[in-house]
Amino acid sequence: MSSVTSRRKSSLLVSAALLALTMLLTTGCDAGTTASTEPPRPDNVPTEAIWTGGLDGGVYVLLSRSEGTEGSVYTGKVYAEKSGVVWYEGRFAIEPAGEPYVDLQNPESYGAWDGDTLYLRDGRALRAID
């Protein structure tokens, strides 16, 4: 009877250790992916512009849907985070084009800017075309 109890205790300890390890690894993996808070907005960036970025920095974006393009083309500006300098001004094409709607007012729509592409959090992208 004592060996059964001993095995049961060992099994519980192993299960608890695995659970603790899983929680630790899950928490550690998620810690580096959270976005940082919006930095102070430069005076020359419109209040309607939305900040998107992470711990390594970001940009402000101001987009609107281009008329006469069935929603697949957007017009906008991308502003530098600290100086407010316009890094890009022009048109963006949604990729893939099959589902053109983007909620432009929702900060959660935006992911990252790499210099010619604004990545969306749903896996799509707005690629600069001018």
C-alpha atoms as a PDB file:
ATOM      1  CA  MET A   1       0.000   0.000   0.000  1.00  0.00           C
ATOM      2  CA  SER A   2       2.839   2.328   0.743  1.00  0.00           C
ATOM      3  CA  SER A   3       4.384   1.927  -2.729  1.00  0.00           C
ATOM      4  CA  VAL A   4       1.022   2.864  -4.348  1.00  0.00           C
ATOM      5  CA  THR A   5       0.801   5.980  -2.191  1.00  0.00           C
ATOM      6  CA  SER A   6       4.394   6.822  -3.003  1.00  0.00           C
ATOM      7  CA  ARG A   7       3.769   6.475  -6.751  1.00  0.00           C
ATOM      8  CA  ARG A   8       0.634   8.580  -6.504  1.00  0.00           C
ATOM      9  CA  LYS A   9       2.555  11.335  -4.684  1.00  0.00           C
ATOM     10  CA  SER A  10       5.332  11.178  -7.284  1.00  0.00           C
ATOM     11  CA  SER A  11       2.796  11.432 -10.079  1.00  0.00           C
ATOM     12  CA  LEU A  12       1.173  14.462  -8.458  1.00  0.00           C
ATOM     13  CA  LEU A  13       4.550  16.145  -7.990  1.00  0.00           C
ATOM     14  CA  VAL A  14       5.491  15.545 -11.637  1.00  0.00           C
ATOM     15  CA  SER A  15       2.111  16.914 -12.775  1.00  0.00           C
ATOM     16  CA  ALA A  16       2.493  20.005 -10.594  1.00  0.00           C
ATOM     17  CA  ALA A  17       6.038  20.576 -11.860  1.00  0.00           C
ATOM     18  CA  LEU A  18       4.902  20.272 -15.493  1.00  0.00           C
ATOM     19  CA  LEU A  19       2.038  22.685 -14.886  1.00  0.00           C
ATOM     20  CA  ALA A  20       4.378  25.208 -13.247  1.00  0.00           C
ATOM     21  CA  LEU A  21       6.874  24.882 -16.105  1.00  0.00           C
ATOM     22  CA  THR A  22       4.134  25.365 -18.711  1.00  0.00           C
ATOM     23  CA  MET A  23       2.884  28.491 -16.945  1.00  0.00           C
ATOM     24  CA  LEU A  24       6.398  29.886 -16.687  1.00  0.00           C
ATOM     25  CA  LEU A  25       7.166  29.273 -20.356  1.00  0.00           C
ATOM     26  CA  THR A  26       3.842  30.668 -21.526  1.00  0.00           C
ATOM     27  CA  THR A  27       4.243  33.809 -19.465  1.00  0.00           C
ATOM     28  CA  GLY A  28       7.842  34.276 -20.582  1.00  0.00           C
ATOM     29  CA  CYS A  29       6.953  33.936 -24.263  1.00  0.00           C
ATOM     30  CA  ASP A  30       4.158  36.452 -24.030  1.00  0.00           C
ATOM     31  CA  ALA A  31       6.118  39.079 -22.118  1.00  0.00           C
ATOM     32  CA  GLY A  32       8.126  40.250 -25.113  1.00  0.00           C
ATOM     33  CA  THR A  33       5.170  40.688 -27.430  1.00  0.00           C
ATOM     34  CA  THR A  34       3.119  43.265 -25.583  1.00  0.00           C
ATOM     35  CA  ALA A  35       2.922  46.712 -27.092  1.00  0.00           C
ATOM     36  CA  SER A  36       4.303  49.639 -25.175  1.00  0.00           C
ATOM     37  CA  THR A  37       2.235  52.708 -24.394  1.00  0.00           C
ATOM     38  CA  GLU A  38       1.933  55.606 -26.800  1.00  0.00           C
ATOM     39  CA  PRO A  39       4.801  58.108 -26.459  1.00  0.00           C
ATOM     40  CA  PRO A  40       4.203  61.860 -26.209  1.00  0.00           C
ATOM     41  CA  ARG A  41       2.642  63.007 -29.507  1.00  0.00           C
ATOM     42  CA  PRO A  42       4.686  65.567 -31.487  1.00  0.00           C
ATOM     43  CA  ASP A  43       2.821  68.856 -32.020  1.00  0.00           C
ATOM     44  CA  ASN A  44       2.752  68.422 -35.818  1.00  0.00           C
ATOM     45  CA  VAL A  45       1.005  65.016 -35.719  1.00  0.00           C
ATOM     46  CA  PRO A  46      -2.788  65.355 -36.053  1.00  0.00           C
ATOM     47  CA  THR A  47      -4.808  64.184 -33.058  1.00  0.00           C
ATOM     48  CA  GLU A  48      -6.709  61.789 -35.369  1.00  0.00           C
ATOM     49  CA  ALA A  49      -3.505  59.896 -36.212  1.00  0.00           C
ATOM     50  CA  ILE A  50      -3.241  56.531 -34.484  1.00  0.00           C
ATOM     51  CA  TRP A  51      -0.012  55.352 -32.885  1.00  0.00           C
ATOM     52  CA  THR A  52       1.067  51.800 -33.549  1.00  0.00           C
ATOM     53  CA  GLY A  53       4.231  50.195 -32.307  1.00  0.00           C
ATOM     54  CA  GLY A  54       5.933  48.181 -29.678  1.00  0.00           C
ATOM     55  CA  LEU A  55       8.799  48.292 -27.244  1.00  0.00           C
ATOM     56  CA  ASP A  56      11.260  49.222 -30.008  1.00  0.00           C
ATOM     57  CA  GLY A  57       9.246  52.198 -31.247  1.00  0.00           C
ATOM     58  CA  GLY A  58       6.451  52.913 -33.665  1.00  0.00           C
ATOM     59  CA  VAL A  59       4.751  55.379 -35.962  1.00  0.00           C
ATOM     60  CA  TYR A  60       1.581  57.427 -36.172  1.00  0.00           C
ATOM     61  CA  VAL A  61      -0.747  56.608 -39.062  1.00  0.00           C
ATOM     62  CA  LEU A  62      -3.619  58.586 -40.513  1.00  0.00           C
ATOM     63  CA  LEU A  63      -5.598  56.748 -43.178  1.00  0.00           C
ATOM     64  CA  SER A  64      -8.781  57.206 -45.169  1.00  0.00           C
ATOM     65  CA  ARG A  65     -10.467  55.153 -47.838  1.00  0.00           C
ATOM     66  CA  SER A  66      -9.800  56.424 -51.371  1.00  0.00           C
ATOM     67  CA  GLU A  67     -12.964  57.228 -53.275  1.00  0.00           C
ATOM     68  CA  GLY A  68     -13.830  55.242 -56.379  1.00  0.00           C
ATOM     69  CA  THR A  69     -11.592  52.280 -55.528  1.00  0.00           C
ATOM     70  CA  GLU A  70     -14.165  49.890 -54.017  1.00  0.00           C
ATOM     71  CA  GLY A  71     -12.297  50.029 -50.707  1.00  0.00           C
ATOM     72  CA  SER A  72      -9.122  48.268 -51.822  1.00  0.00           C
ATOM     73  CA  VAL A  73      -7.025  51.452 -51.884  1.00  0.00           C
ATOM     74  CA  TYR A  74      -6.459  53.771 -48.945  1.00  0.00           C
ATOM     75  CA  THR A  75      -4.789  57.187 -48.744  1.00  0.00           C
ATOM     76  CA  GLY A  76      -2.734  58.294 -45.806  1.00  0.00           C
ATOM     77  CA  LYS A  77       0.352  59.462 -44.012  1.00  0.00           C
ATOM     78  CA  VAL A  78       2.851  57.771 -41.751  1.00  0.00           C
ATOM     79  CA  TYR A  79       4.544  60.032 -39.202  1.00  0.00           C
ATOM     80  CA  ALA A  80       7.795  59.456 -37.330  1.00  0.00           C
ATOM     81  CA  GLU A  81       7.167  58.671 -33.690  1.00  0.00           C
ATOM     82  CA  LYS A  82       9.415  61.280 -32.074  1.00  0.00           C
ATOM     83  CA  SER A  83       9.772  64.098 -34.616  1.00  0.00           C
ATOM     84  CA  GLY A  84       6.421  63.868 -36.377  1.00  0.00           C
ATOM     85  CA  VAL A  85       8.159  64.072 -39.765  1.00  0.00           C
ATOM     86  CA  VAL A  86       6.066  62.542 -42.557  1.00  0.00           C
ATOM     87  CA  TRP A  87       7.835  59.331 -43.561  1.00  0.00           C
ATOM     88  CA  TYR A  88       5.282  58.415 -46.210  1.00  0.00           C
ATOM     89  CA  GLU A  89       2.362  60.153 -47.860  1.00  0.00           C
ATOM     90  CA  GLY A  90       0.311  58.525 -50.565  1.00  0.00           C
ATOM     91  CA  ARG A  91      -1.794  55.522 -51.434  1.00  0.00           C
ATOM     92  CA  PHE A  92      -1.832  52.060 -49.880  1.00  0.00           C
ATOM     93  CA  ALA A  93      -3.202  48.876 -51.445  1.00  0.00           C
ATOM     94  CA  ILE A  94      -4.653  46.182 -49.208  1.00  0.00           C
ATOM     95  CA  GLU A  95      -3.079  42.736 -49.549  1.00  0.00           C
ATOM     96  CA  PRO A  96      -4.618  40.323 -50.113  1.00  0.00           C
ATOM     97  CA  ALA A  97      -7.300  42.323 -51.911  1.00  0.00           C
ATOM     98  CA  GLY A  98     -10.126  39.836 -51.317  1.00  0.00           C
ATOM     99  CA  GLU A  99     -11.373  41.518 -48.134  1.00  0.00           C
ATOM    100  CA  PRO A 100     -10.723  45.261 -48.460  1.00  0.00           C
ATOM    101  CA  TYR A 101     -12.415  46.610 -45.309  1.00  0.00           C
ATOM    102  CA  VAL A 102     -10.099  47.884 -42.549  1.00  0.00           C
ATOM    103  CA  ASP A 103     -11.413  49.513 -39.369  1.00  0.00           C
ATOM    104  CA  LEU A 104      -9.282  52.651 -39.658  1.00  0.00           C
ATOM    105  CA  GLN A 105     -10.358  54.105 -36.306  1.00  0.00           C
ATOM    106  CA  ASN A 106      -9.437  51.027 -34.284  1.00  0.00           C
ATOM    107  CA  PRO A 107      -5.850  51.111 -32.950  1.00  0.00           C
ATOM    108  CA  GLU A 108      -5.995  47.303 -32.635  1.00  0.00           C
ATOM    109  CA  SER A 109      -6.188  47.056 -36.455  1.00  0.00           C
ATOM    110  CA  TYR A 110      -2.580  48.120 -36.891  1.00  0.00           C
ATOM    111  CA  GLY A 111       0.583  46.113 -36.324  1.00  0.00           C
ATOM    112  CA  ALA A 112       3.853  47.579 -37.589  1.00  0.00           C
ATOM    113  CA  TRP A 113       5.352  49.804 -40.297  1.00  0.00           C
ATOM    114  CA  ASP A 114       8.527  48.659 -42.077  1.00  0.00           C
ATOM    115  CA  GLY A 115       9.121  51.592 -44.423  1.00  0.00           C
ATOM    116  CA  ASP A 116       6.813  50.545 -47.251  1.00  0.00           C
ATOM    117  CA  THR A 117       4.233  48.261 -45.674  1.00  0.00           C
ATOM    118  CA  LEU A 118       1.810  48.790 -42.808  1.00  0.00           C
ATOM    119  CA  TYR A 119       1.125  45.343 -41.365  1.00  0.00           C
ATOM    120  CA  LEU A 120      -2.300  44.702 -39.918  1.00  0.00           C
ATOM    121  CA  ARG A 121      -2.865  42.478 -36.904  1.00  0.00           C
ATOM    122  CA  ASP A 122      -5.241  40.236 -38.817  1.00  0.00           C
ATOM    123  CA  GLY A 123      -2.428  39.070 -41.132  1.00  0.00           C
ATOM    124  CA  ARG A 124      -3.144  41.447 -44.008  1.00  0.00           C
ATOM    125  CA  ALA A 125      -1.039  44.424 -45.046  1.00  0.00           C
ATOM    126  CA  LEU A 126      -1.372  47.898 -46.543  1.00  0.00           C
ATOM    127  CA  ARG A 127       1.461  48.268 -49.073  1.00  0.00           C
ATOM    128  CA  ALA A 128       2.603  51.753 -50.187  1.00  0.00           C
ATOM    129  CA  ILE A 129       1.966  52.117 -53.934  1.00  0.00           C
ATOM    130  CA  ASP A 130       3.146  55.675 -54.688  1.00  0.00           C
END
